[in-house]
Protein backbone atom coordinates (compact mmCIF):
# COMPACT_ATOMS: atom_id res chain seq x y z
CA MET A 1 122.41 78.17 83.86
CA GLN A 2 119.39 76.11 82.90
CA ARG A 3 117.53 76.41 79.63
CA VAL A 4 113.83 75.66 79.94
CA VAL A 5 111.40 75.34 77.05
CA VAL A 6 107.76 75.97 77.89
CA SER A 7 105.53 74.48 75.23
CA ALA A 8 101.87 74.74 74.43
CA VAL A 9 99.35 73.56 77.01
CA ALA A 10 101.63 72.38 79.80
CA ALA A 11 103.56 69.27 78.67
CA LEU A 12 100.65 67.62 76.88
CA CYS A 13 100.95 69.43 73.59
CA ALA A 14 103.10 68.21 70.73
CA THR A 15 105.35 70.50 68.70
CA GLY A 16 103.48 72.92 66.52
CA CYS A 17 100.14 72.82 68.33
CA ASP A 18 98.23 75.95 69.25
CA LEU A 19 99.36 77.40 72.58
CA PHE A 20 95.83 78.64 73.21
CA ALA A 21 93.87 75.63 72.00
CA ASP A 22 90.99 74.83 74.36
CA VAL A 23 92.29 77.29 76.94
CA SER A 24 89.45 78.75 78.99
CA GLU A 25 91.53 79.45 82.08
CA PRO A 26 95.14 80.72 82.31
CA GLU A 27 97.69 77.89 82.35
CA HIS A 28 100.18 77.19 85.14
CA ILE A 29 103.54 76.50 83.49
CA GLY A 30 107.09 76.37 84.87
CA PRO A 31 109.55 73.68 85.95
CA LYS A 32 109.66 74.78 89.60
CA ALA A 33 106.63 76.99 89.44
CA GLU A 34 104.69 78.25 92.42
CA SER A 35 101.21 79.59 92.07
CA VAL A 36 98.73 82.02 93.54
CA ALA A 37 94.99 81.37 93.40
CA PHE A 38 91.63 82.93 94.27
CA ASP A 39 88.62 80.89 95.43
CA GLY A 40 86.07 83.69 95.43
CA GLU A 41 86.93 85.03 98.88
CA THR A 42 90.62 84.30 99.57
CA ILE A 43 93.86 84.80 97.63
CA SER A 44 96.44 82.17 98.61
CA GLY A 45 100.15 81.81 97.86
CA ARG A 46 103.28 80.54 99.71
CA GLY A 47 101.62 80.30 103.11
CA VAL A 48 99.92 83.69 102.76
CA ALA A 49 96.13 84.00 102.71
CA LEU A 50 94.33 87.30 102.10
CA LYS A 51 90.59 86.91 102.77
CA PHE A 52 87.94 89.42 101.71
CA ALA A 53 84.61 90.14 103.37
CA PRO A 54 81.72 88.27 101.74
CA ASN A 55 79.27 91.06 102.59
CA ASN A 56 79.03 94.78 103.37
CA VAL A 57 82.35 96.56 102.57
CA ARG A 58 84.27 93.88 100.65
CA LEU A 59 87.76 94.90 101.84
CA PRO A 60 89.99 92.29 103.58
CA ILE A 61 88.96 90.75 106.89
CA SER A 62 92.08 88.59 107.33
CA LEU A 63 95.74 88.39 106.35
CA SER A 64 97.51 85.30 107.66
CA TYR A 65 100.81 83.50 107.24
CA GLU A 66 100.85 79.74 107.88
CA GLY A 67 97.66 80.18 109.86
CA VAL A 68 98.96 83.06 112.02
CA GLU A 69 96.63 86.07 111.84
CA LEU A 70 98.50 89.32 111.11
CA LEU A 71 95.66 91.86 111.14
CA GLN A 72 93.90 93.19 114.22
CA SER A 73 90.16 92.80 114.36
CA SER A 74 87.90 93.16 117.40
CA GLY A 75 84.70 93.84 115.49
CA SER A 76 85.26 97.59 115.88
CA GLU A 77 84.68 100.09 113.10
CA CYS A 78 87.90 101.86 114.05
CA GLU A 79 91.18 101.68 112.13
CA GLN A 80 91.82 97.94 112.14
CA LEU A 81 92.26 95.38 109.34
CA ALA A 82 93.15 97.26 106.13
CA GLY A 83 91.18 100.19 104.82
CA VAL A 84 90.63 103.91 104.39
CA ALA A 85 89.37 106.35 107.03
CA ILE A 86 88.05 109.88 107.06
CA ASP A 87 88.76 110.14 110.76
CA PRO A 88 86.86 110.56 113.04
CA MET A 89 83.72 110.38 110.89
CA GLU A 90 83.86 107.06 109.02
CA THR A 91 86.12 104.12 108.18
CA ALA A 92 85.91 101.74 105.22
CA VAL A 93 87.14 98.33 106.42
CA GLY A 94 86.14 94.75 105.71
CA ASP A 95 82.53 93.88 106.63
CA ARG A 96 81.74 97.45 107.74
CA MET A 97 78.00 98.14 107.57
CA ALA A 98 76.39 101.47 106.83
CA THR A 99 74.93 103.31 109.82
CA ASN A 100 73.34 106.13 107.82
CA GLY A 101 72.13 105.54 104.28
CA THR A 102 72.78 102.80 101.76
CA LEU A 103 76.12 101.04 101.38
CA ALA A 104 77.44 99.98 97.96
CA SER A 105 80.47 97.69 97.59
CA THR A 106 81.67 95.28 94.91
CA LEU A 107 84.46 92.73 94.53
CA THR A 108 85.80 91.72 91.10
CA ALA A 109 88.60 89.25 90.36
CA THR A 110 90.38 90.58 87.27
CA LEU A 111 93.25 88.04 87.38
CA THR A 112 92.93 84.61 89.00
CA GLY A 113 96.43 83.11 88.77
CA PRO A 114 98.53 81.14 88.60
CA ALA A 115 101.26 83.79 88.24
CA ILE A 116 99.24 86.80 89.37
CA THR A 117 95.91 87.23 91.12
CA GLN A 118 94.18 90.59 91.29
CA VAL A 119 91.05 91.61 93.17
CA VAL A 120 89.39 95.03 92.82
CA VAL A 121 87.10 96.30 95.60
CA THR A 122 84.89 99.37 95.30
CA TYR A 123 83.01 100.93 98.19
CA GLU A 124 80.64 103.81 98.85
CA LEU A 125 80.03 104.26 102.56
CA PRO A 126 77.59 107.00 103.70
CA TYR A 127 78.04 109.09 106.83
CA ASP A 128 76.63 112.31 108.27
CA CYS A 129 78.65 115.55 108.47
CA GLU A 130 77.01 118.82 107.42
CA GLY A 131 74.48 116.70 105.57
CA GLN A 132 74.91 113.23 104.13
CA GLN A 133 78.37 112.54 102.77
CA THR A 134 79.97 109.47 101.17
CA LEU A 135 83.42 107.98 101.66
CA LYS A 136 84.18 106.10 98.47
CA GLY A 137 87.10 104.61 96.61
CA THR A 138 88.61 101.67 94.75
CA SER A 139 91.24 99.36 96.23
CA THR A 140 93.17 96.97 93.98
CA PHE A 141 95.02 94.06 95.60
CA THR A 142 97.57 92.30 93.38
CA MET A 143 99.22 89.23 94.90
CA PHE A 144 102.06 87.08 93.60
CA PRO A 145 103.05 83.46 94.45
CA SER A 146 105.65 84.77 96.93
CA GLY A 147 102.87 86.30 99.03
CA ARG A 148 103.89 89.86 98.10
CA ILE A 149 100.82 92.11 97.98
CA VAL A 150 100.66 95.36 96.02
CA ARG A 151 97.69 97.42 97.19
CA HIS A 152 96.58 100.50 95.29
CA ASP A 153 93.94 102.77 96.81
CA ALA A 154 92.55 105.00 94.06
CA MET A 155 89.76 107.48 93.46
CA ILE A 156 89.42 107.99 97.21
CA GLU A 157 86.79 110.68 97.79
CA PRO A 158 86.37 111.58 101.47
CA ALA A 159 83.17 113.58 100.99
CA THR A 160 80.40 114.20 98.48
CA SER A 161 80.18 117.94 99.13
CA GLY A 162 82.39 120.49 100.81
CA ILE A 163 82.78 120.42 104.59
CA ALA A 164 83.37 123.72 106.40
CA MET A 165 83.89 122.59 110.00
CA SER A 166 84.75 118.91 110.31
CA SER A 167 85.51 119.11 114.05
CA ILE A 168 81.82 119.45 114.94
CA CYS A 169 80.85 116.24 113.13
CA ALA A 170 80.54 112.73 114.54
CA VAL A 171 82.87 111.48 117.27
CA ARG A 172 84.01 107.89 116.87
CA CYS A 173 86.55 105.58 118.48
CA GLY A 174 87.11 108.03 121.33
CA LYS A 175 88.35 110.67 118.93
CA ALA A 176 87.17 114.15 118.01
CA GLY A 177 88.54 117.10 116.14
CA PRO A 178 89.34 118.12 112.56
CA ALA A 179 89.38 115.46 109.88
CA THR A 180 92.27 113.23 108.82
CA LEU A 181 92.14 111.16 105.63
CA GLU A 182 94.34 108.07 105.65
CA SER A 183 94.98 104.68 104.10
CA PHE A 184 96.22 102.11 106.60
CA TRP A 185 97.14 98.55 107.50
CA GLY A 186 96.12 97.60 111.04
CA PHE A 187 98.32 94.78 112.34
CA ALA A 188 97.73 92.63 115.41
CA SER A 189 98.96 94.06 118.70
CA SER A 190 100.69 90.75 119.50
CA GLY A 191 103.51 91.79 117.18
CA GLU A 192 106.49 94.11 117.78
CA ARG A 193 107.31 97.14 115.66
CA VAL A 194 110.69 96.88 113.92
CA GLU A 195 112.54 99.34 111.68
CA VAL A 196 115.91 99.49 109.92
CA ASP A 197 118.61 102.02 110.86
CA GLY A 198 120.93 103.90 108.51
CA ASN A 199 123.41 101.02 108.54
CA GLY A 200 120.84 98.49 107.42
CA ASN A 201 120.41 96.89 110.85
CA ASP A 202 117.08 95.95 112.41
CA PHE A 203 116.03 97.56 115.67
CA THR A 204 112.91 97.17 117.79
CA ILE A 205 110.96 100.29 118.70
CA THR A 206 111.46 100.62 122.47
CA ASN A 207 108.30 102.63 123.02
CA GLN A 208 105.76 100.61 121.08
CA SER A 209 103.14 103.39 121.33
CA GLU A 210 105.45 105.99 119.76
CA VAL A 211 104.29 107.64 116.53
CA ARG A 212 107.12 107.49 114.01
CA SER A 213 107.40 108.97 110.51
CA THR A 214 108.63 106.18 108.25
CA SER A 215 107.63 104.80 104.86
CA GLU A 216 109.16 101.36 105.57
CA SER A 217 108.57 99.24 108.64
CA CYS A 218 107.96 95.69 109.86
CA VAL A 219 105.88 93.95 112.49
CA GLN A 220 107.55 90.90 114.06
CA PHE A 221 105.46 87.96 115.26
CA PRO A 222 106.74 84.77 116.93
CA LYS A 223 106.37 82.67 113.77
CA THR A 224 106.47 85.26 111.00
CA HIS A 225 106.87 88.94 110.24
CA VAL A 226 105.42 91.36 107.73
CA ALA A 227 106.96 94.36 105.99
CA THR A 228 105.03 97.37 104.65
CA ARG A 229 106.32 100.05 102.30
CA TRP A 230 104.45 103.17 101.16
CA GLU A 231 105.54 103.96 97.61
CA ASP A 232 105.56 107.75 97.94
CA LEU A 233 107.97 107.40 100.92
CA ASP A 234 105.54 109.29 103.16
CA GLY A 235 104.09 107.20 105.94
CA GLU A 236 104.06 106.63 109.67
CA THR A 237 103.66 103.85 112.19
CA SER A 238 101.91 103.94 115.54
CA ALA A 239 100.31 101.64 118.08
CA ASP A 240 97.17 102.44 120.01
CA ALA A 241 93.86 100.86 121.01
CA GLY A 242 95.32 97.40 120.55
CA VAL A 243 96.40 97.81 116.93
CA ILE A 244 99.75 98.47 115.22
CA LYS A 245 99.10 100.85 112.34
CA SER A 246 101.11 101.53 109.22
CA THR A 247 99.53 104.61 107.71
CA HIS A 248 99.68 107.06 104.83
CA SER A 249 97.86 110.34 105.53
CA PHE A 250 96.53 112.42 102.63
CA PHE A 251 95.70 115.31 104.96
CA VAL A 252 95.81 115.72 108.75
CA ASP A 253 93.56 117.72 111.14
CA GLN A 254 91.81 119.64 108.40
CA GLU A 255 88.69 121.64 109.28
CA VAL A 256 87.74 122.58 105.72
CA PHE A 257 87.99 120.30 102.71
CA ALA A 258 86.28 120.09 99.34
CA PRO A 259 85.51 117.02 97.21
CA ALA A 260 88.75 115.71 95.69
CA THR A 261 90.33 112.37 94.80
CA TYR A 262 93.46 110.77 96.25
CA SER A 263 95.51 107.63 95.58
CA ILE A 264 98.44 105.73 97.11
CA THR A 265 100.25 102.41 96.61
CA SER A 266 101.67 100.21 99.35
CA VAL A 267 103.55 96.90 99.28
CA THR A 268 102.98 94.38 102.07
CA TYR A 269 105.15 91.28 102.32
CA PRO A 270 104.52 88.53 104.91
CA ALA A 271 107.34 85.97 105.13
CA GLU A 272 109.15 83.37 107.20
CA PRO A 273 110.85 84.59 110.41
CA GLY A 274 114.32 83.69 109.10
CA LEU A 275 114.40 86.91 107.07
CA THR A 276 115.37 90.15 108.80
CA CYS A 277 113.24 93.28 108.39
CA SER A 278 116.02 94.75 106.24
CA MET A 279 116.01 91.72 103.93
CA LEU A 280 112.24 91.70 103.66
CA LEU A 281 112.06 95.41 102.83
CA GLN A 282 114.64 94.89 100.09
CA LYS A 283 112.33 92.28 98.60
CA ALA A 284 109.41 94.72 98.84
CA ARG A 285 111.17 97.43 96.82
CA THR A 286 110.48 97.72 93.11
CA PRO A 287 113.61 96.92 91.06
CA VAL A 288 114.83 98.70 87.93
CA LEU A 289 114.57 96.44 84.89
CA GLU A 290 115.69 96.84 81.29
CA VAL A 291 115.23 94.90 78.07
CA LEU A 292 118.34 94.19 75.99
CA GLU A 293 117.62 93.38 72.36
CA ASN A 294 119.69 93.75 69.19
CA ASP A 295 122.38 95.68 71.09
CA GLN A 296 119.81 98.22 72.27
CA VAL A 297 118.61 98.93 75.82
CA PHE A 298 114.99 99.73 76.65
CA ALA A 299 113.64 100.67 80.08
CA MET A 300 110.74 98.64 81.43
CA ASP A 301 107.90 100.49 83.14
CA ALA A 302 106.38 99.22 86.38
CA ASP A 303 102.63 99.79 86.48
CA PRO A 304 101.84 102.03 89.49
CA VAL A 305 98.75 99.98 90.36
CA THR A 306 100.19 96.45 90.13
CA HIS A 307 104.00 96.84 89.91
CA ILE A 308 103.91 94.51 86.90
CA PHE A 309 106.64 95.47 84.43
CA SER A 310 105.72 95.92 80.78
CA ASP A 311 107.53 96.35 77.50
CA HIS A 312 105.01 97.32 74.85
CA ARG A 313 107.21 96.42 71.89
CA PRO A 314 106.37 93.05 70.25
CA HIS A 315 108.71 90.09 70.78
CA HIS A 316 107.13 87.61 68.39
CA SER A 317 110.43 85.98 67.40
CA GLY A 318 114.08 86.18 68.35
CA GLN A 319 115.78 86.50 71.72
CA PHE A 320 115.71 89.34 74.22
CA THR A 321 117.06 89.68 77.74
CA LEU A 322 115.65 91.00 81.01
CA HIS A 323 118.46 92.78 82.84
CA SER A 324 119.13 94.79 85.99
CA ASP A 325 122.35 96.62 86.83
CA VAL A 326 122.17 95.27 90.38
CA PRO A 327 120.96 91.90 91.71
CA VAL A 328 117.20 91.81 92.26
CA ALA A 329 116.45 90.78 95.85
CA GLY A 330 112.75 90.06 95.48
CA ASP A 331 110.35 88.60 92.99
CA PHE A 332 108.91 90.49 90.02
CA ALA A 333 106.42 90.00 87.19
CA VAL A 334 106.41 91.07 83.55
CA ALA A 335 103.73 91.41 80.87
CA LEU A 336 105.12 90.65 77.42
CA ASP A 337 103.76 90.74 73.89
CA LEU A 338 105.01 87.40 72.58
CA GLY A 339 102.43 87.14 69.82
CA ASP A 340 100.93 83.68 69.37
CA PRO A 341 103.86 81.39 70.27
CA SER A 342 103.97 77.62 70.18
CA HIS A 343 107.03 77.60 72.48
CA VAL A 344 108.63 80.01 74.94
CA LEU A 345 112.25 79.42 75.91
CA VAL A 346 113.49 80.80 79.25
CA ASP A 347 117.23 80.79 79.92
CA GLY A 348 118.79 81.91 83.22
CA THR A 349 116.33 80.66 85.83
CA ASP A 350 113.81 77.90 86.34
CA ASN A 351 112.01 79.66 89.21
CA TYR A 352 109.09 81.21 87.38
CA THR A 353 105.40 80.81 86.63
CA LEU A 354 103.88 81.65 83.26
CA GLN A 355 100.26 82.72 82.88
CA LEU A 356 98.54 82.59 79.51
CA PRO A 357 95.85 85.14 78.77
CA PRO A 358 92.34 83.89 77.99
CA LYS A 359 92.44 85.83 74.72
CA LYS A 360 94.99 84.93 72.05
CA GLY A 361 97.48 87.72 71.36
CA ASP A 362 97.12 89.49 74.71
CA PRO A 363 100.28 89.91 76.83
CA ILE A 364 101.63 86.79 78.53
CA LEU A 365 102.37 87.23 82.24
CA ILE A 366 105.52 85.73 83.76
CA TRP A 367 106.36 85.84 87.46
CA PHE A 368 110.02 85.32 88.45
CA ASP A 369 110.98 84.40 91.98
CA GLY A 370 113.92 86.20 93.57
CA PRO A 371 116.69 86.66 94.18
CA VAL A 372 117.75 87.09 90.55
CA GLY A 373 121.44 87.80 89.97
CA ALA A 374 121.87 86.95 86.30
CA PRO A 375 120.15 88.18 83.12
CA ILE A 376 117.15 86.18 81.93
CA THR A 377 116.85 85.41 78.21
CA ILE A 378 113.45 84.81 76.66
CA GLU A 379 112.68 83.60 73.16
CA ALA A 380 109.25 83.03 71.64
CA THR A 381 108.82 80.62 68.72
CA PRO A 382 105.78 81.28 66.49
């Protein structure tokens, strides 16, 4: 078990110097650290690149692994790429332009690495159905150096005012009928749909156009595959019109609906082809973590938006341990109140990246690569 001391500003700072001296950007620290970065349009980490639209609706227009495109895009406004649809009236996807009214969309990078990058996209997309309506929402994409993406769609409002008969509204994408509200990932049709049976074995869906109710699924490509998991365990997969969809539906075939807000979290994990779908889905699941300190056990809470674990108690001096009752298959990140330390000692792994906050005293972010089978001890020195 290796003991690693992280000191001040990388390795350039002598003992006793200020950890936050002259820090305008978060520091990248760790003996075998990997990083994730954002260049204004694309988040990149471990072969994964998530690119956002520079104009119109600012949602993603590409997700690739080692240069292999994973999302389907034919320039259609239908359910491709990754977005939210009030079907069949309107779909919010990357670079979608307004056809009726004025579009509003913003992109804000709230974390820019190296341990965690987070991009928040808002959109307000007008459409016509019993008067002018607006499909609006906020999508937060949090990506870690492993390439794991936690996407949280929040404050989704399918309409501005109540709709009494949605089936008589616009017909798009060859569809008509009552409204369905869904969040989706639209993967390239060149892949194959794969699921995991009750014994933990992968199997390929024989009828690739079959609609299947599942919260966990994979799409296999020749040089990579990608797993998707809906956190409320209520999802489905399908393939039609040249796109493989992993979808969460908030309501289905509804004639009448009033203004309301909805939210959902999904985890998407592109990776090397050597991992099975079963192994990749294990990595996508959120572990259960505890803090052991002074012979007491405290549960850590995973933020529903980011899946970053937090322990709000201060750890300004002394040791504490991150622990799980079972080995952790995937990577995870923690936000810790370590005060204003000059050194941080990590014992139990050297596969981590530490991110300093731009403001002294704010939580320090640490990303740990998986698998993790042993407890990790952390000690901050003031």
